[in-house]
Amino acid sequence: MAKTGTAEPVWQAPQPRIVQYRNRRYSIRLEPVFWRTLEFLAERHGVRLGRFVGQMAEDYAGPNFASHLRVVCMMETERARAEASLRPSRVNVVDLVLSCPSPGLVLSRYRTILAFNPSFARWLGPGNEPATGADLTSVIQVRPRRPLNEVWLDMIAGKVPAADANVLHVAPGRATAASGRLIALPPQQDDEFYAVMWLSAPRRPATVAPIAGPPRPAP
């Protein structure tokens, strides 16, 4: 009787590759399925693989960049799954959010960002575009009337269809505020939950004033 194991197929063994961006070389070991996903994502963004990976490497400060790339690829799979399953009233919600002029995001049940539109990226400001798969609260502060975790669990359980919140994004030298609304989407299957978040009436960015030092003695 043949033994069954959990070893990965030989053709999916990690493969080392070197990518180059801005005169820097990055040596990375990934399984072929992840390399194919990264190549697809780079093509979708209209850039070469080296630039796509290099830009993420410049923004990543964690201990294991290869694991980070795997997470990015897995979140792309979840985003694609959302595109396939989110079709209430035969409308693709992801496409709707991406084409809307108001800042918007699509969120998974774990509050990870599956997709966001260009308006949301502009609202955050240059250089602050989040990676797909980022946790919502690592990108912006969301402050509903009750604790966000309580509100979110109630939305997953179907007790609360929507919730309003104040939203704040803080970047070096600026803080941007807006009103936000979280909306639970009709479930297509029992184990699925997605939500959309819209921002409205964004206020102008506020410059963060430097901390004043002690008064200087009069001459």
N, C-alpha and C. Protein backbone atom coordinates (compact mmCIF):
# COMPACT_ATOMS: atom_id res chain seq x y z
N MET A 1 0.85 -1.19 0.00
CA MET A 1 0.00 0.00 0.00
C MET A 1 0.88 1.24 0.00
N ALA A 2 0.61 2.12 -0.92
CA ALA A 2 1.44 3.31 -1.04
C ALA A 2 1.20 4.25 0.13
N LYS A 3 2.27 4.83 0.60
CA LYS A 3 2.16 5.79 1.69
C LYS A 3 1.78 7.14 1.14
N THR A 4 0.92 7.81 1.87
CA THR A 4 0.53 9.18 1.49
C THR A 4 1.23 10.14 2.42
N GLY A 5 1.83 11.15 1.88
CA GLY A 5 2.54 12.14 2.68
C GLY A 5 2.09 13.54 2.33
N THR A 6 2.69 14.49 3.02
CA THR A 6 2.34 15.89 2.80
C THR A 6 3.44 16.64 2.08
N ALA A 7 4.44 15.90 1.58
CA ALA A 7 5.55 16.57 0.90
C ALA A 7 5.04 17.25 -0.37
N GLU A 8 5.62 18.40 -0.67
CA GLU A 8 5.20 19.14 -1.84
C GLU A 8 5.67 18.42 -3.10
N PRO A 9 4.95 18.58 -4.21
CA PRO A 9 5.40 17.97 -5.48
C PRO A 9 6.78 18.49 -5.86
N VAL A 10 7.53 17.62 -6.54
CA VAL A 10 8.90 17.99 -6.92
C VAL A 10 8.90 19.25 -7.77
N TRP A 11 7.91 19.39 -8.66
CA TRP A 11 7.90 20.54 -9.56
C TRP A 11 7.54 21.85 -8.86
N GLN A 12 7.17 21.75 -7.56
CA GLN A 12 6.87 22.95 -6.81
C GLN A 12 7.96 23.26 -5.77
N ALA A 13 9.10 22.62 -5.89
CA ALA A 13 10.20 22.92 -4.98
C ALA A 13 10.64 24.37 -5.18
N PRO A 14 11.00 25.08 -4.11
CA PRO A 14 11.41 26.49 -4.25
C PRO A 14 12.55 26.65 -5.24
N GLN A 15 12.45 27.69 -6.04
CA GLN A 15 13.46 27.98 -7.05
C GLN A 15 14.08 29.35 -6.76
N PRO A 16 15.41 29.43 -6.70
CA PRO A 16 16.04 30.73 -6.47
C PRO A 16 16.06 31.54 -7.76
N ARG A 17 15.75 32.83 -7.62
CA ARG A 17 15.85 33.75 -8.76
C ARG A 17 16.42 35.07 -8.27
N ILE A 18 17.10 35.75 -9.15
CA ILE A 18 17.66 37.06 -8.83
C ILE A 18 16.93 38.11 -9.67
N VAL A 19 16.35 39.10 -9.01
CA VAL A 19 15.70 40.20 -9.70
C VAL A 19 16.47 41.48 -9.37
N GLN A 20 16.44 42.42 -10.29
CA GLN A 20 17.23 43.65 -10.13
C GLN A 20 16.34 44.86 -10.29
N TYR A 21 16.56 45.86 -9.42
CA TYR A 21 15.80 47.11 -9.48
C TYR A 21 16.65 48.21 -8.88
N ARG A 22 16.79 49.30 -9.60
CA ARG A 22 17.58 50.46 -9.15
C ARG A 22 18.99 50.04 -8.71
N ASN A 23 19.63 49.26 -9.55
CA ASN A 23 21.00 48.83 -9.31
C ASN A 23 21.16 47.96 -8.06
N ARG A 24 20.05 47.42 -7.56
CA ARG A 24 20.13 46.50 -6.43
C ARG A 24 19.64 45.13 -6.90
N ARG A 25 20.29 44.10 -6.40
CA ARG A 25 19.94 42.74 -6.77
C ARG A 25 19.33 42.04 -5.56
N TYR A 26 18.21 41.35 -5.81
CA TYR A 26 17.50 40.64 -4.74
C TYR A 26 17.48 39.15 -5.09
N SER A 27 18.03 38.33 -4.20
CA SER A 27 18.02 36.88 -4.39
C SER A 27 16.88 36.30 -3.55
N ILE A 28 15.94 35.65 -4.22
CA ILE A 28 14.71 35.20 -3.56
C ILE A 28 14.43 33.76 -3.97
N ARG A 29 14.01 32.94 -3.01
CA ARG A 29 13.60 31.56 -3.28
C ARG A 29 12.10 31.45 -3.08
N LEU A 30 11.39 31.07 -4.15
CA LEU A 30 9.94 30.89 -4.09
C LEU A 30 9.54 29.69 -4.93
N GLU A 31 8.41 29.09 -4.59
CA GLU A 31 7.85 28.03 -5.39
C GLU A 31 7.38 28.58 -6.73
N PRO A 32 7.42 27.77 -7.80
CA PRO A 32 7.04 28.25 -9.14
C PRO A 32 5.64 28.88 -9.18
N VAL A 33 4.69 28.35 -8.40
CA VAL A 33 3.34 28.92 -8.44
C VAL A 33 3.35 30.37 -7.98
N PHE A 34 4.23 30.71 -7.02
CA PHE A 34 4.30 32.09 -6.56
C PHE A 34 5.02 32.98 -7.58
N TRP A 35 6.05 32.43 -8.24
CA TRP A 35 6.72 33.21 -9.29
C TRP A 35 5.75 33.54 -10.41
N ARG A 36 4.90 32.58 -10.78
CA ARG A 36 3.93 32.84 -11.85
C ARG A 36 2.93 33.92 -11.43
N THR A 37 2.51 33.87 -10.17
CA THR A 37 1.57 34.89 -9.69
C THR A 37 2.22 36.27 -9.68
N LEU A 38 3.46 36.36 -9.25
CA LEU A 38 4.16 37.65 -9.25
C LEU A 38 4.34 38.19 -10.66
N GLU A 39 4.65 37.30 -11.60
CA GLU A 39 4.77 37.74 -13.00
C GLU A 39 3.44 38.26 -13.53
N PHE A 40 2.35 37.60 -13.15
CA PHE A 40 1.03 38.05 -13.55
C PHE A 40 0.72 39.42 -12.95
N LEU A 41 1.03 39.61 -11.66
CA LEU A 41 0.75 40.88 -11.00
C LEU A 41 1.59 42.01 -11.61
N ALA A 42 2.86 41.71 -11.90
CA ALA A 42 3.71 42.73 -12.51
C ALA A 42 3.17 43.13 -13.88
N GLU A 43 2.73 42.15 -14.65
CA GLU A 43 2.17 42.45 -15.97
C GLU A 43 0.90 43.28 -15.85
N ARG A 44 0.08 42.95 -14.86
CA ARG A 44 -1.16 43.70 -14.67
C ARG A 44 -0.88 45.15 -14.29
N HIS A 45 0.22 45.39 -13.56
CA HIS A 45 0.60 46.76 -13.18
C HIS A 45 1.41 47.46 -14.28
N GLY A 46 1.70 46.74 -15.35
CA GLY A 46 2.43 47.35 -16.46
C GLY A 46 3.89 47.60 -16.19
N VAL A 47 4.51 46.77 -15.34
CA VAL A 47 5.93 46.94 -15.02
C VAL A 47 6.64 45.59 -15.13
N ARG A 48 7.96 45.64 -15.16
CA ARG A 48 8.74 44.41 -15.18
C ARG A 48 8.74 43.77 -13.79
N LEU A 49 9.02 42.48 -13.76
CA LEU A 49 9.02 41.75 -12.49
C LEU A 49 10.02 42.36 -11.51
N GLY A 50 11.21 42.73 -12.00
CA GLY A 50 12.22 43.30 -11.11
C GLY A 50 11.74 44.55 -10.41
N ARG A 51 11.08 45.42 -11.17
CA ARG A 51 10.57 46.66 -10.56
C ARG A 51 9.45 46.36 -9.57
N PHE A 52 8.55 45.45 -9.94
CA PHE A 52 7.42 45.12 -9.07
C PHE A 52 7.91 44.57 -7.74
N VAL A 53 8.84 43.62 -7.79
CA VAL A 53 9.38 43.02 -6.56
C VAL A 53 10.26 44.02 -5.82
N GLY A 54 11.09 44.78 -6.56
CA GLY A 54 11.99 45.73 -5.93
C GLY A 54 11.27 46.82 -5.17
N GLN A 55 10.16 47.32 -5.71
CA GLN A 55 9.39 48.34 -5.02
C GLN A 55 8.81 47.80 -3.72
N MET A 56 8.35 46.55 -3.75
CA MET A 56 7.85 45.96 -2.51
C MET A 56 8.97 45.77 -1.50
N ALA A 57 10.16 45.39 -1.99
CA ALA A 57 11.30 45.19 -1.09
C ALA A 57 11.69 46.49 -0.41
N GLU A 58 11.62 47.61 -1.14
CA GLU A 58 11.97 48.90 -0.55
C GLU A 58 11.00 49.31 0.55
N ASP A 59 9.74 48.88 0.42
CA ASP A 59 8.72 49.26 1.40
C ASP A 59 8.59 48.27 2.54
N TYR A 60 9.29 47.13 2.44
CA TYR A 60 9.13 46.06 3.44
C TYR A 60 10.23 46.15 4.48
N ALA A 61 9.84 46.11 5.75
CA ALA A 61 10.82 46.21 6.83
C ALA A 61 10.81 44.98 7.73
N GLY A 62 10.12 43.93 7.32
CA GLY A 62 10.02 42.72 8.13
C GLY A 62 11.21 41.81 7.99
N PRO A 63 11.19 40.67 8.71
CA PRO A 63 12.34 39.76 8.72
C PRO A 63 12.39 38.77 7.57
N ASN A 64 11.26 38.52 6.88
CA ASN A 64 11.23 37.46 5.87
C ASN A 64 10.47 37.96 4.65
N PHE A 65 11.20 38.48 3.68
CA PHE A 65 10.57 39.07 2.49
C PHE A 65 9.91 38.01 1.63
N ALA A 66 10.49 36.80 1.56
CA ALA A 66 9.90 35.73 0.76
C ALA A 66 8.51 35.37 1.29
N SER A 67 8.37 35.31 2.61
CA SER A 67 7.05 35.03 3.19
C SER A 67 6.07 36.15 2.86
N HIS A 68 6.56 37.37 2.87
CA HIS A 68 5.70 38.50 2.52
C HIS A 68 5.20 38.37 1.08
N LEU A 69 6.07 37.96 0.18
CA LEU A 69 5.65 37.78 -1.21
C LEU A 69 4.62 36.66 -1.34
N ARG A 70 4.78 35.61 -0.56
CA ARG A 70 3.79 34.53 -0.60
C ARG A 70 2.42 35.03 -0.14
N VAL A 71 2.43 35.86 0.91
CA VAL A 71 1.16 36.42 1.40
C VAL A 71 0.52 37.29 0.33
N VAL A 72 1.32 38.10 -0.35
CA VAL A 72 0.79 38.95 -1.42
C VAL A 72 0.14 38.09 -2.49
N CYS A 73 0.79 36.99 -2.85
CA CYS A 73 0.23 36.10 -3.87
C CYS A 73 -1.06 35.44 -3.40
N MET A 74 -1.09 35.01 -2.14
CA MET A 74 -2.30 34.38 -1.62
C MET A 74 -3.45 35.37 -1.56
N MET A 75 -3.17 36.63 -1.23
CA MET A 75 -4.22 37.63 -1.19
C MET A 75 -4.72 37.94 -2.59
N GLU A 76 -3.85 37.81 -3.58
CA GLU A 76 -4.31 37.97 -4.97
C GLU A 76 -5.30 36.86 -5.32
N THR A 77 -5.03 35.65 -4.81
CA THR A 77 -5.96 34.55 -5.03
C THR A 77 -7.30 34.83 -4.36
N GLU A 78 -7.25 35.38 -3.14
CA GLU A 78 -8.50 35.70 -2.44
C GLU A 78 -9.24 36.83 -3.15
N ARG A 79 -8.48 37.79 -3.68
CA ARG A 79 -9.13 38.88 -4.42
C ARG A 79 -9.84 38.33 -5.66
N ALA A 80 -9.16 37.41 -6.35
CA ALA A 80 -9.79 36.80 -7.53
C ALA A 80 -11.03 36.00 -7.14
N ARG A 81 -10.96 35.34 -5.99
CA ARG A 81 -12.12 34.60 -5.50
C ARG A 81 -13.27 35.55 -5.20
N ALA A 82 -12.93 36.72 -4.65
CA ALA A 82 -13.97 37.70 -4.37
C ALA A 82 -14.62 38.18 -5.66
N GLU A 83 -13.80 38.41 -6.68
CA GLU A 83 -14.35 38.85 -7.96
C GLU A 83 -15.32 37.82 -8.53
N ALA A 84 -15.02 36.54 -8.29
CA ALA A 84 -15.86 35.48 -8.84
C ALA A 84 -17.14 35.29 -8.04
N SER A 85 -17.09 35.59 -6.73
CA SER A 85 -18.24 35.29 -5.88
C SER A 85 -19.11 36.49 -5.54
N LEU A 86 -18.56 37.69 -5.63
CA LEU A 86 -19.32 38.88 -5.25
C LEU A 86 -20.14 39.37 -6.44
N ARG A 87 -21.30 38.82 -6.61
CA ARG A 87 -22.13 39.21 -7.73
C ARG A 87 -23.59 39.39 -7.31
N PRO A 88 -23.87 40.14 -6.22
CA PRO A 88 -25.26 40.39 -5.90
C PRO A 88 -25.92 41.20 -7.01
N SER A 89 -27.12 40.81 -7.38
CA SER A 89 -27.84 41.47 -8.48
C SER A 89 -27.03 41.45 -9.77
N ARG A 90 -26.17 40.40 -9.91
CA ARG A 90 -25.35 40.23 -11.11
C ARG A 90 -24.39 41.40 -11.35
N VAL A 91 -24.05 42.09 -10.31
CA VAL A 91 -23.09 43.19 -10.41
C VAL A 91 -21.81 42.78 -9.73
N ASN A 92 -20.70 42.94 -10.39
CA ASN A 92 -19.41 42.62 -9.80
C ASN A 92 -19.01 43.77 -8.89
N VAL A 93 -19.03 43.52 -7.58
CA VAL A 93 -18.79 44.58 -6.61
C VAL A 93 -17.38 45.12 -6.72
N VAL A 94 -16.41 44.24 -6.98
CA VAL A 94 -15.03 44.71 -7.11
C VAL A 94 -14.91 45.71 -8.25
N ASP A 95 -15.47 45.39 -9.40
CA ASP A 95 -15.44 46.32 -10.53
C ASP A 95 -16.15 47.61 -10.19
N LEU A 96 -17.26 47.50 -9.45
CA LEU A 96 -18.01 48.70 -9.08
C LEU A 96 -17.17 49.62 -8.21
N VAL A 97 -16.49 49.05 -7.22
CA VAL A 97 -15.65 49.86 -6.34
C VAL A 97 -14.50 50.47 -7.11
N LEU A 98 -13.85 49.68 -7.97
CA LEU A 98 -12.69 50.19 -8.70
C LEU A 98 -13.05 51.33 -9.63
N SER A 99 -14.27 51.35 -10.14
CA SER A 99 -14.66 52.40 -11.09
C SER A 99 -15.36 53.57 -10.44
N CYS A 100 -15.61 53.50 -9.13
CA CYS A 100 -16.35 54.57 -8.45
C CYS A 100 -15.44 55.78 -8.19
N PRO A 101 -15.96 57.00 -8.34
CA PRO A 101 -15.14 58.19 -8.08
C PRO A 101 -14.90 58.45 -6.59
N SER A 102 -15.71 57.85 -5.71
CA SER A 102 -15.51 58.02 -4.27
C SER A 102 -14.51 57.01 -3.76
N PRO A 103 -13.68 57.37 -2.78
CA PRO A 103 -12.72 56.41 -2.23
C PRO A 103 -13.43 55.18 -1.67
N GLY A 104 -12.99 54.00 -2.07
CA GLY A 104 -13.65 52.78 -1.62
C GLY A 104 -12.70 51.61 -1.57
N LEU A 105 -13.07 50.60 -0.73
CA LEU A 105 -12.28 49.39 -0.57
C LEU A 105 -13.21 48.19 -0.49
N VAL A 106 -12.68 47.02 -0.83
CA VAL A 106 -13.36 45.74 -0.61
C VAL A 106 -12.55 45.00 0.44
N LEU A 107 -13.24 44.50 1.48
CA LEU A 107 -12.57 43.87 2.62
C LEU A 107 -13.02 42.42 2.78
N SER A 108 -12.10 41.57 3.25
CA SER A 108 -12.44 40.19 3.56
C SER A 108 -12.97 40.12 4.99
N ARG A 109 -13.37 38.94 5.42
CA ARG A 109 -13.88 38.77 6.78
C ARG A 109 -12.80 39.05 7.82
N TYR A 110 -11.53 39.00 7.41
CA TYR A 110 -10.43 39.27 8.33
C TYR A 110 -9.96 40.73 8.28
N ARG A 111 -10.76 41.56 7.63
CA ARG A 111 -10.48 43.00 7.47
C ARG A 111 -9.20 43.24 6.66
N THR A 112 -8.87 42.31 5.78
CA THR A 112 -7.77 42.54 4.85
C THR A 112 -8.31 43.22 3.60
N ILE A 113 -7.50 44.05 3.00
CA ILE A 113 -7.90 44.81 1.82
C ILE A 113 -7.74 43.93 0.59
N LEU A 114 -8.86 43.60 -0.04
CA LEU A 114 -8.84 42.79 -1.25
C LEU A 114 -8.68 43.65 -2.49
N ALA A 115 -9.21 44.85 -2.45
CA ALA A 115 -9.12 45.77 -3.60
C ALA A 115 -9.43 47.18 -3.12
N PHE A 116 -8.86 48.16 -3.80
CA PHE A 116 -9.17 49.56 -3.50
C PHE A 116 -9.08 50.33 -4.81
N ASN A 117 -9.81 51.43 -4.88
CA ASN A 117 -9.85 52.16 -6.15
C ASN A 117 -8.83 53.31 -6.16
N PRO A 118 -8.59 53.88 -7.34
CA PRO A 118 -7.62 54.98 -7.43
C PRO A 118 -7.98 56.17 -6.56
N SER A 119 -9.28 56.40 -6.32
CA SER A 119 -9.69 57.52 -5.48
C SER A 119 -9.19 57.34 -4.05
N PHE A 120 -9.21 56.09 -3.56
CA PHE A 120 -8.71 55.84 -2.22
C PHE A 120 -7.20 56.06 -2.16
N ALA A 121 -6.48 55.63 -3.19
CA ALA A 121 -5.03 55.83 -3.23
C ALA A 121 -4.70 57.33 -3.24
N ARG A 122 -5.48 58.11 -4.00
CA ARG A 122 -5.24 59.56 -4.03
C ARG A 122 -5.56 60.18 -2.68
N TRP A 123 -6.60 59.67 -2.02
CA TRP A 123 -6.95 60.21 -0.70
C TRP A 123 -5.83 59.99 0.31
N LEU A 124 -5.16 58.83 0.23
CA LEU A 124 -4.05 58.56 1.13
C LEU A 124 -2.86 59.47 0.85
N GLY A 125 -2.68 59.85 -0.41
CA GLY A 125 -1.56 60.71 -0.76
C GLY A 125 -0.42 59.93 -1.39
N PRO A 126 0.46 60.60 -2.12
CA PRO A 126 1.56 59.93 -2.82
C PRO A 126 2.43 59.12 -1.86
N GLY A 127 2.80 57.94 -2.31
CA GLY A 127 3.70 57.11 -1.53
C GLY A 127 3.06 56.32 -0.41
N ASN A 128 1.72 56.40 -0.28
CA ASN A 128 1.05 55.71 0.82
C ASN A 128 0.10 54.62 0.35
N GLU A 129 0.19 54.23 -0.92
CA GLU A 129 -0.71 53.21 -1.45
C GLU A 129 -0.46 51.89 -0.74
N PRO A 130 -1.51 51.26 -0.18
CA PRO A 130 -1.30 50.00 0.55
C PRO A 130 -1.13 48.83 -0.38
N ALA A 131 -0.52 47.78 0.11
CA ALA A 131 -0.43 46.54 -0.66
C ALA A 131 -1.73 45.77 -0.51
N THR A 132 -2.15 45.13 -1.58
CA THR A 132 -3.31 44.25 -1.48
C THR A 132 -3.01 43.17 -0.45
N GLY A 133 -3.93 42.96 0.48
CA GLY A 133 -3.71 42.01 1.56
C GLY A 133 -3.32 42.66 2.86
N ALA A 134 -3.13 43.99 2.85
CA ALA A 134 -2.79 44.70 4.08
C ALA A 134 -4.00 44.72 5.01
N ASP A 135 -3.74 44.73 6.30
CA ASP A 135 -4.81 44.86 7.28
C ASP A 135 -5.35 46.29 7.24
N LEU A 136 -6.67 46.42 7.28
CA LEU A 136 -7.30 47.73 7.17
C LEU A 136 -6.76 48.70 8.20
N THR A 137 -6.67 48.25 9.46
CA THR A 137 -6.28 49.17 10.53
C THR A 137 -4.79 49.48 10.55
N SER A 138 -4.00 48.78 9.70
CA SER A 138 -2.59 49.16 9.56
C SER A 138 -2.43 50.29 8.55
N VAL A 139 -3.50 50.58 7.80
CA VAL A 139 -3.45 51.63 6.78
C VAL A 139 -4.16 52.89 7.26
N ILE A 140 -5.34 52.73 7.85
CA ILE A 140 -6.12 53.87 8.34
C ILE A 140 -6.69 53.55 9.71
N GLN A 141 -7.00 54.60 10.47
CA GLN A 141 -7.68 54.44 11.75
C GLN A 141 -9.18 54.52 11.50
N VAL A 142 -9.93 53.53 11.97
CA VAL A 142 -11.38 53.47 11.79
C VAL A 142 -12.02 53.52 13.16
N ARG A 143 -12.85 54.53 13.39
CA ARG A 143 -13.41 54.76 14.71
C ARG A 143 -14.93 54.85 14.67
N PRO A 144 -15.62 53.69 14.75
CA PRO A 144 -17.07 53.73 14.87
C PRO A 144 -17.47 54.12 16.29
N ARG A 145 -18.79 54.19 16.54
CA ARG A 145 -19.26 54.59 17.87
C ARG A 145 -18.92 53.54 18.92
N ARG A 146 -18.91 52.28 18.52
CA ARG A 146 -18.49 51.20 19.41
C ARG A 146 -17.14 50.68 18.95
N PRO A 147 -16.46 49.87 19.76
CA PRO A 147 -15.17 49.32 19.32
C PRO A 147 -15.30 48.61 17.98
N LEU A 148 -14.33 48.81 17.12
CA LEU A 148 -14.39 48.27 15.76
C LEU A 148 -14.54 46.75 15.78
N ASN A 149 -13.85 46.05 16.67
CA ASN A 149 -13.95 44.59 16.70
C ASN A 149 -15.38 44.14 16.98
N GLU A 150 -16.07 44.83 17.90
CA GLU A 150 -17.45 44.48 18.21
C GLU A 150 -18.35 44.70 17.00
N VAL A 151 -18.19 45.85 16.37
CA VAL A 151 -19.01 46.17 15.19
C VAL A 151 -18.77 45.15 14.09
N TRP A 152 -17.50 44.80 13.86
CA TRP A 152 -17.15 43.89 12.78
C TRP A 152 -17.75 42.50 13.02
N LEU A 153 -17.67 41.99 14.24
CA LEU A 153 -18.24 40.69 14.55
C LEU A 153 -19.75 40.70 14.39
N ASP A 154 -20.40 41.80 14.75
CA ASP A 154 -21.84 41.92 14.55
C ASP A 154 -22.20 41.92 13.07
N MET A 155 -21.36 42.53 12.25
CA MET A 155 -21.61 42.53 10.81
C MET A 155 -21.45 41.13 10.23
N ILE A 156 -20.43 40.40 10.67
CA ILE A 156 -20.23 39.03 10.20
C ILE A 156 -21.42 38.15 10.60
N ALA A 157 -21.94 38.37 11.82
CA ALA A 157 -23.06 37.57 12.31
C ALA A 157 -24.39 37.99 11.71
N GLY A 158 -24.40 39.06 10.93
CA GLY A 158 -25.64 39.52 10.31
C GLY A 158 -26.50 40.38 11.21
N LYS A 159 -25.98 40.80 12.36
CA LYS A 159 -26.75 41.63 13.30
C LYS A 159 -26.75 43.10 12.90
N VAL A 160 -25.71 43.51 12.22
CA VAL A 160 -25.57 44.92 11.83
C VAL A 160 -25.25 44.96 10.34
N PRO A 161 -26.09 45.56 9.50
CA PRO A 161 -25.81 45.59 8.07
C PRO A 161 -24.79 46.63 7.67
N ALA A 162 -24.66 47.70 8.46
CA ALA A 162 -23.74 48.78 8.10
C ALA A 162 -23.37 49.55 9.36
N ALA A 163 -22.28 50.29 9.28
CA ALA A 163 -21.84 51.09 10.43
C ALA A 163 -21.07 52.30 9.92
N ASP A 164 -21.34 53.44 10.54
CA ASP A 164 -20.62 54.66 10.22
C ASP A 164 -19.41 54.80 11.13
N ALA A 165 -18.39 55.48 10.65
CA ALA A 165 -17.17 55.64 11.44
C ALA A 165 -16.42 56.88 10.97
N ASN A 166 -15.66 57.43 11.87
CA ASN A 166 -14.70 58.47 11.49
C ASN A 166 -13.41 57.77 11.06
N VAL A 167 -12.80 58.30 10.02
CA VAL A 167 -11.61 57.67 9.45
C VAL A 167 -10.47 58.68 9.46
N LEU A 168 -9.30 58.21 9.82
CA LEU A 168 -8.13 59.09 9.87
C LEU A 168 -6.93 58.37 9.30
N HIS A 169 -6.19 59.09 8.46
CA HIS A 169 -4.92 58.56 7.94
C HIS A 169 -3.83 59.55 8.33
N VAL A 170 -2.80 59.02 8.99
CA VAL A 170 -1.70 59.85 9.47
C VAL A 170 -0.44 59.47 8.72
N ALA A 171 0.19 60.46 8.11
CA ALA A 171 1.45 60.28 7.41
C ALA A 171 2.40 61.37 7.88
N PRO A 172 3.68 61.21 7.66
CA PRO A 172 4.63 62.24 8.10
C PRO A 172 4.24 63.62 7.60
N GLY A 173 3.97 64.53 8.51
CA GLY A 173 3.65 65.91 8.16
C GLY A 173 2.21 66.18 7.79
N ARG A 174 1.34 65.18 7.81
CA ARG A 174 -0.05 65.42 7.42
C ARG A 174 -0.97 64.39 8.05
N ALA A 175 -2.20 64.81 8.30
CA ALA A 175 -3.25 63.92 8.77
C ALA A 175 -4.50 64.22 7.96
N THR A 176 -5.13 63.19 7.40
CA THR A 176 -6.30 63.36 6.55
C THR A 176 -7.48 62.63 7.17
N ALA A 177 -8.61 63.34 7.29
CA ALA A 177 -9.80 62.77 7.93
C ALA A 177 -10.95 62.70 6.94
N ALA A 178 -11.87 61.78 7.19
CA ALA A 178 -13.06 61.64 6.36
C ALA A 178 -14.12 60.90 7.15
N SER A 179 -15.33 60.91 6.63
CA SER A 179 -16.39 60.07 7.16
C SER A 179 -16.39 58.76 6.39
N GLY A 180 -16.58 57.65 7.09
CA GLY A 180 -16.56 56.34 6.45
C GLY A 180 -17.83 55.57 6.74
N ARG A 181 -18.15 54.63 5.87
CA ARG A 181 -19.29 53.75 6.07
C ARG A 181 -18.92 52.34 5.66
N LEU A 182 -19.04 51.40 6.59
CA LEU A 182 -18.81 49.99 6.34
C LEU A 182 -20.14 49.33 6.01
N ILE A 183 -20.17 48.55 4.94
CA ILE A 183 -21.40 47.90 4.50
C ILE A 183 -21.13 46.42 4.28
N ALA A 184 -21.87 45.56 4.99
CA ALA A 184 -21.74 44.12 4.80
C ALA A 184 -22.46 43.73 3.52
N LEU A 185 -21.80 42.90 2.70
CA LEU A 185 -22.40 42.47 1.45
C LEU A 185 -23.22 41.19 1.68
N PRO A 186 -24.29 41.01 0.91
CA PRO A 186 -25.09 39.78 1.06
C PRO A 186 -24.23 38.56 0.84
N PRO A 187 -24.24 37.61 1.78
CA PRO A 187 -23.40 36.41 1.63
C PRO A 187 -23.87 35.54 0.49
N GLN A 188 -22.89 35.02 -0.28
CA GLN A 188 -23.21 34.11 -1.36
C GLN A 188 -23.13 32.66 -0.89
N GLN A 189 -22.32 32.39 0.14
CA GLN A 189 -22.21 31.09 0.75
C GLN A 189 -22.10 31.27 2.25
N ASP A 190 -22.34 30.21 3.01
CA ASP A 190 -22.37 30.34 4.47
C ASP A 190 -21.04 30.78 5.05
N ASP A 191 -19.94 30.36 4.45
CA ASP A 191 -18.63 30.65 5.02
C ASP A 191 -18.00 31.91 4.44
N GLU A 192 -18.71 32.64 3.63
CA GLU A 192 -18.15 33.82 3.00
C GLU A 192 -18.66 35.10 3.65
N PHE A 193 -17.79 36.07 3.77
CA PHE A 193 -18.19 37.39 4.23
C PHE A 193 -17.28 38.41 3.59
N TYR A 194 -17.88 39.41 2.99
CA TYR A 194 -17.12 40.52 2.42
C TYR A 194 -17.83 41.81 2.80
N ALA A 195 -17.09 42.87 2.80
CA ALA A 195 -17.67 44.18 3.11
C ALA A 195 -17.04 45.22 2.20
N VAL A 196 -17.77 46.30 2.01
CA VAL A 196 -17.26 47.45 1.27
C VAL A 196 -17.18 48.62 2.22
N MET A 197 -16.15 49.42 2.08
CA MET A 197 -16.03 50.64 2.87
C MET A 197 -15.92 51.82 1.93
N TRP A 198 -16.79 52.80 2.15
CA TRP A 198 -16.77 54.03 1.36
C TRP A 198 -16.33 55.18 2.23
N LEU A 199 -15.60 56.11 1.66
CA LEU A 199 -15.25 57.35 2.33
C LEU A 199 -15.99 58.49 1.64
N SER A 200 -16.50 59.42 2.44
CA SER A 200 -17.23 60.53 1.86
C SER A 200 -16.83 61.82 2.56
N ALA A 201 -17.06 62.92 1.85
CA ALA A 201 -16.78 64.26 2.36
C ALA A 201 -15.39 64.34 2.98
N PRO A 202 -14.35 63.89 2.25
CA PRO A 202 -13.01 64.00 2.83
C PRO A 202 -12.61 65.45 3.02
N ARG A 203 -12.03 65.70 4.15
CA ARG A 203 -11.59 67.06 4.42
C ARG A 203 -10.18 67.26 3.90
N ARG A 204 -9.79 68.51 3.79
CA ARG A 204 -8.43 68.80 3.30
C ARG A 204 -7.40 68.29 4.29
N PRO A 205 -6.24 67.82 3.76
CA PRO A 205 -5.19 67.35 4.66
C PRO A 205 -4.79 68.43 5.65
N ALA A 206 -4.61 68.02 6.89
CA ALA A 206 -4.19 68.96 7.93
C ALA A 206 -2.70 68.78 8.19
N THR A 207 -1.97 69.86 8.17
CA THR A 207 -0.54 69.80 8.43
C THR A 207 -0.31 69.57 9.92
N VAL A 208 0.53 68.60 10.23
CA VAL A 208 0.84 68.31 11.62
C VAL A 208 1.88 69.30 12.10
N ALA A 209 1.54 70.10 13.11
CA ALA A 209 2.44 71.12 13.61
C ALA A 209 3.57 70.48 14.42
N PRO A 210 4.81 70.98 14.29
CA PRO A 210 5.91 70.43 15.09
C PRO A 210 5.70 70.74 16.56
N ILE A 211 6.25 69.88 17.40
CA ILE A 211 6.16 70.09 18.86
C ILE A 211 7.03 71.26 19.24
N ALA A 212 6.41 72.21 19.94
CA ALA A 212 7.15 73.42 20.34
C ALA A 212 8.13 73.09 21.45
N GLY A 213 9.32 73.66 21.37
CA GLY A 213 10.31 73.46 22.40
C GLY A 213 10.17 74.52 23.48
N PRO A 214 11.02 74.47 24.49
CA PRO A 214 10.95 75.46 25.58
C PRO A 214 11.24 76.85 25.04
N PRO A 215 10.60 77.87 25.61
CA PRO A 215 10.83 79.24 25.11
C PRO A 215 12.28 79.66 25.31
N ARG A 216 12.77 80.36 24.32
CA ARG A 216 14.14 80.86 24.41
C ARG A 216 14.20 82.09 25.32
N PRO A 217 15.27 82.23 26.06
CA PRO A 217 15.40 83.42 26.91
C PRO A 217 15.53 84.68 26.08
N ALA A 218 14.94 85.75 26.58
CA ALA A 218 15.01 87.04 25.86
C ALA A 218 16.45 87.51 25.82
N PRO A 219 16.86 88.10 24.69
CA PRO A 219 18.24 88.59 24.59
C PRO A 219 18.47 89.76 25.54
